[in-house]
Amino acid sequence: MTVTSAAPAVSTSRQRLVLFVLLGAGFLMSVDFSILDVALPEAGAGVGMAESQLHRIAAYALLSAGFASMRKGSLCESTRLPSR
């Protein structure tokens, strides 16, 4: 019986670039939500929205972030890793 050791998985420069872009997008989304939490009461008051209606803006932001996360997940699934 012959034992073969698998070569270590080496990522290509394109895979590293895709990973960097996806990590950057996730970081920017978290920064965006932090800004939204701080600025939402002021922005709502500026356009005359009651505080009870501000949840609509936050819900829109959460939905768009959810769809973006699903898209990032499908991008990660579709990238092919080198075979072992």
C-alpha atoms as a PDB file:
ATOM      1  CA  MET A   1       0.000   0.000   0.000  1.00  0.00           C
ATOM      2  CA  THR A   2       1.416   3.351  -1.056  1.00  0.00           C
ATOM      3  CA  VAL A   3       0.823   6.405   1.086  1.00  0.00           C
ATOM      4  CA  THR A   4       0.731   9.695  -0.773  1.00  0.00           C
ATOM      5  CA  SER A   5       0.698  12.967   1.034  1.00  0.00           C
ATOM      6  CA  ALA A   6      -1.542  15.682  -0.292  1.00  0.00           C
ATOM      7  CA  ALA A   7       0.138  18.841  -1.453  1.00  0.00           C
ATOM      8  CA  PRO A   8      -0.725  21.868   0.654  1.00  0.00           C
ATOM      9  CA  ALA A   9      -3.498  23.987  -0.825  1.00  0.00           C
ATOM     10  CA  VAL A  10      -2.015  27.100  -2.361  1.00  0.00           C
ATOM     11  CA  SER A  11      -4.299  29.983  -3.176  1.00  0.00           C
ATOM     12  CA  THR A  12      -3.802  31.872  -6.383  1.00  0.00           C
ATOM     13  CA  SER A  13      -3.470  35.623  -6.570  1.00  0.00           C
ATOM     14  CA  ARG A  14      -7.010  35.861  -7.970  1.00  0.00           C
ATOM     15  CA  GLN A  15      -8.415  33.947  -4.989  1.00  0.00           C
ATOM     16  CA  ARG A  16      -6.531  36.206  -2.603  1.00  0.00           C
ATOM     17  CA  LEU A  17      -7.884  39.265  -4.398  1.00  0.00           C
ATOM     18  CA  VAL A  18     -11.449  37.947  -4.200  1.00  0.00           C
ATOM     19  CA  LEU A  19     -11.005  37.197  -0.501  1.00  0.00           C
ATOM     20  CA  PHE A  20      -9.606  40.680   0.126  1.00  0.00           C
ATOM     21  CA  VAL A  21     -12.503  42.333  -1.711  1.00  0.00           C
ATOM     22  CA  LEU A  22     -15.101  40.268   0.161  1.00  0.00           C
ATOM     23  CA  LEU A  23     -13.494  40.965   3.532  1.00  0.00           C
ATOM     24  CA  GLY A  24     -13.322  44.664   2.678  1.00  0.00           C
ATOM     25  CA  ALA A  25     -16.993  44.680   1.705  1.00  0.00           C
ATOM     26  CA  GLY A  26     -17.937  43.023   4.991  1.00  0.00           C
ATOM     27  CA  PHE A  27     -15.894  45.555   6.935  1.00  0.00           C
ATOM     28  CA  LEU A  28     -17.490  48.455   5.074  1.00  0.00           C
ATOM     29  CA  MET A  29     -20.945  47.048   5.808  1.00  0.00           C
ATOM     30  CA  SER A  30     -20.192  46.922   9.527  1.00  0.00           C
ATOM     31  CA  VAL A  31     -18.898  50.500   9.431  1.00  0.00           C
ATOM     32  CA  ASP A  32     -22.016  51.522   7.518  1.00  0.00           C
ATOM     33  CA  PHE A  33     -24.272  50.041  10.201  1.00  0.00           C
ATOM     34  CA  SER A  34     -22.322  51.827  12.916  1.00  0.00           C
ATOM     35  CA  ILE A  35     -22.774  55.128  11.099  1.00  0.00           C
ATOM     36  CA  LEU A  36     -26.456  54.341  10.544  1.00  0.00           C
ATOM     37  CA  ASP A  37     -27.005  53.684  14.261  1.00  0.00           C
ATOM     38  CA  VAL A  38     -25.415  56.982  15.214  1.00  0.00           C
ATOM     39  CA  ALA A  39     -26.837  59.180  12.464  1.00  0.00           C
ATOM     40  CA  LEU A  40     -30.338  57.753  12.108  1.00  0.00           C
ATOM     41  CA  PRO A  41     -32.082  59.844  14.801  1.00  0.00           C
ATOM     42  CA  GLU A  42     -30.538  63.049  13.462  1.00  0.00           C
ATOM     43  CA  ALA A  43     -31.350  62.219   9.838  1.00  0.00           C
ATOM     44  CA  GLY A  44     -34.904  61.243  10.749  1.00  0.00           C
ATOM     45  CA  ALA A  45     -35.433  64.500  12.590  1.00  0.00           C
ATOM     46  CA  GLY A  46     -34.024  66.407   9.622  1.00  0.00           C
ATOM     47  CA  VAL A  47     -36.615  64.990   7.230  1.00  0.00           C
ATOM     48  CA  GLY A  48     -39.471  65.125   9.726  1.00  0.00           C
ATOM     49  CA  MET A  49     -39.841  61.415  10.462  1.00  0.00           C
ATOM     50  CA  ALA A  50     -41.151  60.294  13.813  1.00  0.00           C
ATOM     51  CA  GLU A  51     -38.887  58.034  15.846  1.00  0.00           C
ATOM     52  CA  SER A  52     -41.427  55.240  15.516  1.00  0.00           C
ATOM     53  CA  GLN A  53     -40.888  55.222  11.719  1.00  0.00           C
ATOM     54  CA  LEU A  54     -37.088  55.060  11.778  1.00  0.00           C
ATOM     55  CA  HIS A  55     -37.202  51.263  11.884  1.00  0.00           C
ATOM     56  CA  ARG A  56     -38.117  51.299   8.180  1.00  0.00           C
ATOM     57  CA  ILE A  57     -34.739  52.740   7.233  1.00  0.00           C
ATOM     58  CA  ALA A  58     -32.909  50.236   9.428  1.00  0.00           C
ATOM     59  CA  ALA A  59     -34.969  47.354   7.987  1.00  0.00           C
ATOM     60  CA  TYR A  60     -34.088  48.428   4.444  1.00  0.00           C
ATOM     61  CA  ALA A  61     -30.400  48.505   5.356  1.00  0.00           C
ATOM     62  CA  LEU A  62     -30.581  45.063   6.988  1.00  0.00           C
ATOM     63  CA  LEU A  63     -32.364  43.566   3.975  1.00  0.00           C
ATOM     64  CA  SER A  64     -29.799  44.928   1.560  1.00  0.00           C
ATOM     65  CA  ALA A  65     -26.978  43.647   3.764  1.00  0.00           C
ATOM     66  CA  GLY A  66     -28.627  40.225   3.898  1.00  0.00           C
ATOM     67  CA  PHE A  67     -28.877  40.040   0.120  1.00  0.00           C
ATOM     68  CA  ALA A  68     -25.272  41.167  -0.207  1.00  0.00           C
ATOM     69  CA  SER A  69     -24.186  38.458   2.234  1.00  0.00           C
ATOM     70  CA  MET A  70     -26.076  35.839   0.243  1.00  0.00           C
ATOM     71  CA  ARG A  71     -24.337  37.032  -2.909  1.00  0.00           C
ATOM     72  CA  LYS A  72     -20.935  36.846  -1.217  1.00  0.00           C
ATOM     73  CA  GLY A  73     -21.742  33.321  -0.099  1.00  0.00           C
ATOM     74  CA  SER A  74     -22.624  32.249  -3.615  1.00  0.00           C
ATOM     75  CA  LEU A  75     -19.410  33.823  -4.903  1.00  0.00           C
ATOM     76  CA  CYS A  76     -17.403  31.875  -2.354  1.00  0.00           C
ATOM     77  CA  GLU A  77     -19.149  28.645  -3.315  1.00  0.00           C
ATOM     78  CA  SER A  78     -18.487  29.142  -6.993  1.00  0.00           C
ATOM     79  CA  THR A  79     -14.736  29.697  -6.628  1.00  0.00           C
ATOM     80  CA  ARG A  80     -12.948  26.457  -7.127  1.00  0.00           C
ATOM     81  CA  LEU A  81     -10.296  25.460  -4.675  1.00  0.00           C
ATOM     82  CA  PRO A  82      -7.252  23.609  -5.951  1.00  0.00           C
ATOM     83  CA  SER A  83      -7.692  19.863  -5.764  1.00  0.00           C
ATOM     84  CA  ARG A  84      -5.749  18.079  -3.090  1.00  0.00           C
END
